[in-house]
Amino acid sequence: MERVPVGVLQSIRMDYSQSVLLYRDKPEYGLLLKLVLIIPVILVGSSIHLWSTGDTFVSLTLLIEAFIIGLIFWFLLPREYQVYENHLRIVLGGPFSVKIGFQKIEKVRITSRLALTVNFATAITRSYVEIVIKKGMSIAITPADHESFVGKADQALSQWARTSGGLESGRKTARDAKDC
């Protein structure tokens, strides 16, 4: 099968899921995000109140808006961050996930620098985990245990590089980045 270049967050062959799961971590949900998640609940409550006062059109409009906002939150907020033997995976709501193959990753590190990233962070925090992509924007995530996630990702990335010949591309691991 001929290899065709694909984007960072996609793959032609869906063989990622056949690899072994090495580590998983839940996202760290911040207070601000928890407060924002109350919006659909407030809309449903307002819809019930308006329905009881006889304003059915506005009530149904608010109910539909609550449903749409709830679906957006459900589909876009991360549920879990996973480290596999050949890729990282950000599990979103429903059937959606973001899979990042190790061949696309330059390094995984804990950082506090401000940067333009694809943001799957779920908390406003001083430090976050940055997945540095070779060509493209980095990805920001906030696992509950930053150190363990980076340690397991670094270990899997190093093992993958040794067994797949990924070291010839000048790959840096999180430990190498600390030494610099």
Protein backbone atom coordinates (compact mmCIF):
# COMPACT_ATOMS: atom_id res chain seq x y z
CA MET A 1 0.00 0.00 0.00
CA GLU A 2 1.42 3.36 -1.01
CA ARG A 3 1.88 5.86 1.84
CA VAL A 4 0.21 9.20 1.21
CA PRO A 5 1.04 12.18 3.45
CA VAL A 6 -1.82 13.01 5.82
CA GLY A 7 -2.52 15.75 8.34
CA VAL A 8 -1.29 15.75 11.91
CA LEU A 9 -4.60 14.68 13.42
CA GLN A 10 -5.69 12.07 10.92
CA SER A 11 -4.62 8.78 9.42
CA ILE A 12 -5.59 6.91 6.27
CA ARG A 13 -5.33 3.55 7.99
CA MET A 14 -7.10 3.30 11.33
CA ASP A 15 -4.56 0.88 12.84
CA TYR A 16 -3.91 3.20 15.80
CA SER A 17 -6.55 1.50 17.94
CA GLN A 18 -4.86 -1.89 17.59
CA SER A 19 -1.87 -0.83 19.69
CA VAL A 20 -1.50 -1.34 23.44
CA LEU A 21 -2.80 1.30 25.87
CA LEU A 22 0.04 2.19 28.26
CA TYR A 23 -1.38 5.04 30.34
CA ARG A 24 -4.56 7.06 30.73
CA ASP A 25 -5.37 10.18 32.67
CA LYS A 26 -8.51 12.24 33.20
CA PRO A 27 -8.51 15.95 32.36
CA GLU A 28 -8.18 18.49 35.13
CA TYR A 29 -11.42 20.49 34.96
CA GLY A 30 -11.02 24.05 36.25
CA LEU A 31 -13.62 26.08 38.15
CA LEU A 32 -14.27 28.43 35.22
CA LEU A 33 -15.09 25.52 32.89
CA LYS A 34 -17.40 24.01 35.50
CA LEU A 35 -19.23 27.33 35.74
CA VAL A 36 -19.57 27.55 31.95
CA LEU A 37 -21.06 24.04 31.89
CA ILE A 38 -23.99 25.36 33.96
CA ILE A 39 -25.22 27.42 30.96
CA PRO A 40 -27.33 24.59 29.43
CA VAL A 41 -28.87 23.87 32.84
CA ILE A 42 -29.83 27.54 33.25
CA LEU A 43 -31.34 27.56 29.76
CA VAL A 44 -33.43 24.47 30.53
CA GLY A 45 -34.63 26.04 33.79
CA SER A 46 -35.54 29.25 31.98
CA SER A 47 -37.33 27.23 29.32
CA ILE A 48 -39.45 25.46 31.94
CA HIS A 49 -40.31 28.77 33.58
CA LEU A 50 -41.30 30.36 30.26
CA TRP A 51 -43.36 27.30 29.33
CA SER A 52 -45.28 27.60 32.62
CA THR A 53 -46.04 31.29 31.92
CA GLY A 54 -47.44 30.44 28.49
CA ASP A 55 -44.60 31.71 26.29
CA THR A 56 -44.14 28.42 24.43
CA PHE A 57 -42.24 29.75 21.40
CA VAL A 58 -39.44 31.33 23.47
CA SER A 59 -39.46 28.29 25.77
CA LEU A 60 -38.89 25.91 22.86
CA THR A 61 -36.20 28.22 21.45
CA LEU A 62 -34.31 28.15 24.75
CA LEU A 63 -34.70 24.38 24.98
CA ILE A 64 -33.25 23.93 21.49
CA GLU A 65 -30.37 26.29 22.34
CA ALA A 66 -29.68 24.34 25.55
CA PHE A 67 -29.61 21.12 23.55
CA ILE A 68 -27.22 22.52 20.93
CA ILE A 69 -24.86 24.05 23.52
CA GLY A 70 -24.93 20.81 25.52
CA LEU A 71 -24.03 18.80 22.40
CA ILE A 72 -21.15 21.14 21.61
CA PHE A 73 -19.79 20.75 25.15
CA TRP A 74 -20.31 16.97 25.00
CA PHE A 75 -18.48 16.54 21.70
CA LEU A 76 -15.60 19.00 22.17
CA LEU A 77 -14.49 18.64 25.78
CA PRO A 78 -11.84 15.98 26.44
CA ARG A 79 -12.86 12.97 28.52
CA GLU A 80 -9.47 11.30 28.74
CA TYR A 81 -5.86 11.58 27.59
CA GLN A 82 -4.24 8.27 26.57
CA VAL A 83 -0.71 7.11 25.79
CA TYR A 84 -0.41 4.14 23.44
CA GLU A 85 2.73 2.39 22.25
CA ASN A 86 2.72 4.32 18.95
CA HIS A 87 0.47 7.37 19.44
CA LEU A 88 -1.24 9.74 21.87
CA ARG A 89 -5.00 9.99 21.91
CA ILE A 90 -7.32 12.70 23.23
CA VAL A 91 -10.73 11.12 23.81
CA LEU A 92 -13.58 13.55 23.20
CA GLY A 93 -17.31 13.01 23.71
CA GLY A 94 -19.21 10.43 21.73
CA PRO A 95 -17.27 8.64 19.00
CA PHE A 96 -14.78 11.47 18.53
CA SER A 97 -11.10 11.49 19.40
CA VAL A 98 -7.86 13.07 18.27
CA LYS A 99 -5.05 10.65 17.51
CA ILE A 100 -1.49 11.91 17.14
CA GLY A 101 1.05 9.42 15.80
CA PHE A 102 4.55 9.51 17.30
CA GLN A 103 6.01 10.13 13.84
CA LYS A 104 4.35 13.58 13.98
CA ILE A 105 5.50 14.44 17.54
CA GLU A 106 8.75 16.25 18.22
CA LYS A 107 8.46 16.18 22.03
CA VAL A 108 6.02 16.23 24.94
CA ARG A 109 6.77 18.65 27.76
CA ILE A 110 5.35 20.54 30.70
CA THR A 111 5.50 24.25 30.02
CA SER A 112 4.14 27.54 31.26
CA ARG A 113 4.99 29.64 28.22
CA LEU A 114 2.29 31.45 26.28
CA ALA A 115 1.91 30.02 22.81
CA LEU A 116 -0.62 29.69 20.05
CA THR A 117 -1.75 26.07 20.29
CA VAL A 118 -4.62 23.77 19.46
CA ASN A 119 -6.22 23.88 22.86
CA PHE A 120 -7.65 20.81 24.54
CA ALA A 121 -6.86 22.27 27.96
CA THR A 122 -9.76 22.12 30.41
CA ALA A 123 -8.39 24.43 33.11
CA ILE A 124 -6.82 27.86 33.34
CA THR A 125 -3.49 27.02 34.90
CA ARG A 126 0.10 28.25 35.02
CA SER A 127 1.52 25.08 33.51
CA TYR A 128 0.14 22.63 30.99
CA VAL A 129 1.35 19.74 28.88
CA GLU A 130 2.41 20.76 25.39
CA ILE A 131 2.61 18.20 22.60
CA VAL A 132 5.05 19.79 20.16
CA ILE A 133 4.27 18.77 16.59
CA LYS A 134 7.06 18.66 13.99
CA LYS A 135 5.14 20.58 11.34
CA GLY A 136 2.13 22.46 12.59
CA MET A 137 0.70 23.92 15.76
CA SER A 138 1.42 22.38 19.13
CA ILE A 139 -1.40 20.87 21.18
CA ALA A 140 -2.10 21.95 24.77
CA ILE A 141 -3.70 19.55 27.26
CA THR A 142 -4.23 19.55 31.03
CA PRO A 143 -4.12 16.01 32.44
CA ALA A 144 -4.73 15.66 36.18
CA ASP A 145 -1.14 14.43 36.72
CA HIS A 146 1.18 16.35 34.39
CA GLU A 147 4.37 14.60 35.53
CA SER A 148 3.04 11.05 35.10
CA PHE A 149 1.55 11.79 31.70
CA VAL A 150 4.75 13.35 30.36
CA GLY A 151 6.84 10.54 31.90
CA LYS A 152 4.73 7.80 30.30
CA ALA A 153 4.53 9.66 26.97
CA ASP A 154 8.31 10.20 26.98
CA GLN A 155 8.90 6.54 27.80
CA ALA A 156 6.56 5.36 25.02
CA LEU A 157 8.03 7.86 22.54
CA SER A 158 11.58 6.71 23.33
CA GLN A 159 10.62 3.04 23.02
CA TRP A 160 8.83 3.72 19.73
CA ALA A 161 11.86 5.64 18.40
CA ARG A 162 14.20 2.74 19.30
CA THR A 163 12.01 0.07 17.72
CA SER A 164 10.80 2.08 14.71
CA GLY A 165 14.02 3.83 13.78
CA GLY A 166 12.57 7.24 14.64
CA LEU A 167 15.87 8.49 16.11
CA GLU A 168 17.40 9.23 12.74
CA SER A 169 15.09 12.23 12.37
CA GLY A 170 16.71 14.01 15.30
CA ARG A 171 13.79 13.48 17.68
CA LYS A 172 14.01 15.05 21.14
CA THR A 173 12.33 13.56 24.16
CA ALA A 174 11.12 15.47 27.23
CA ARG A 175 14.27 14.42 29.12
CA ASP A 176 16.47 15.79 26.30
CA ALA A 177 14.55 19.09 26.41
CA LYS A 178 15.25 19.43 30.16
CA ASP A 179 18.97 18.91 29.58
CA CYS A 180 19.13 21.75 27.02
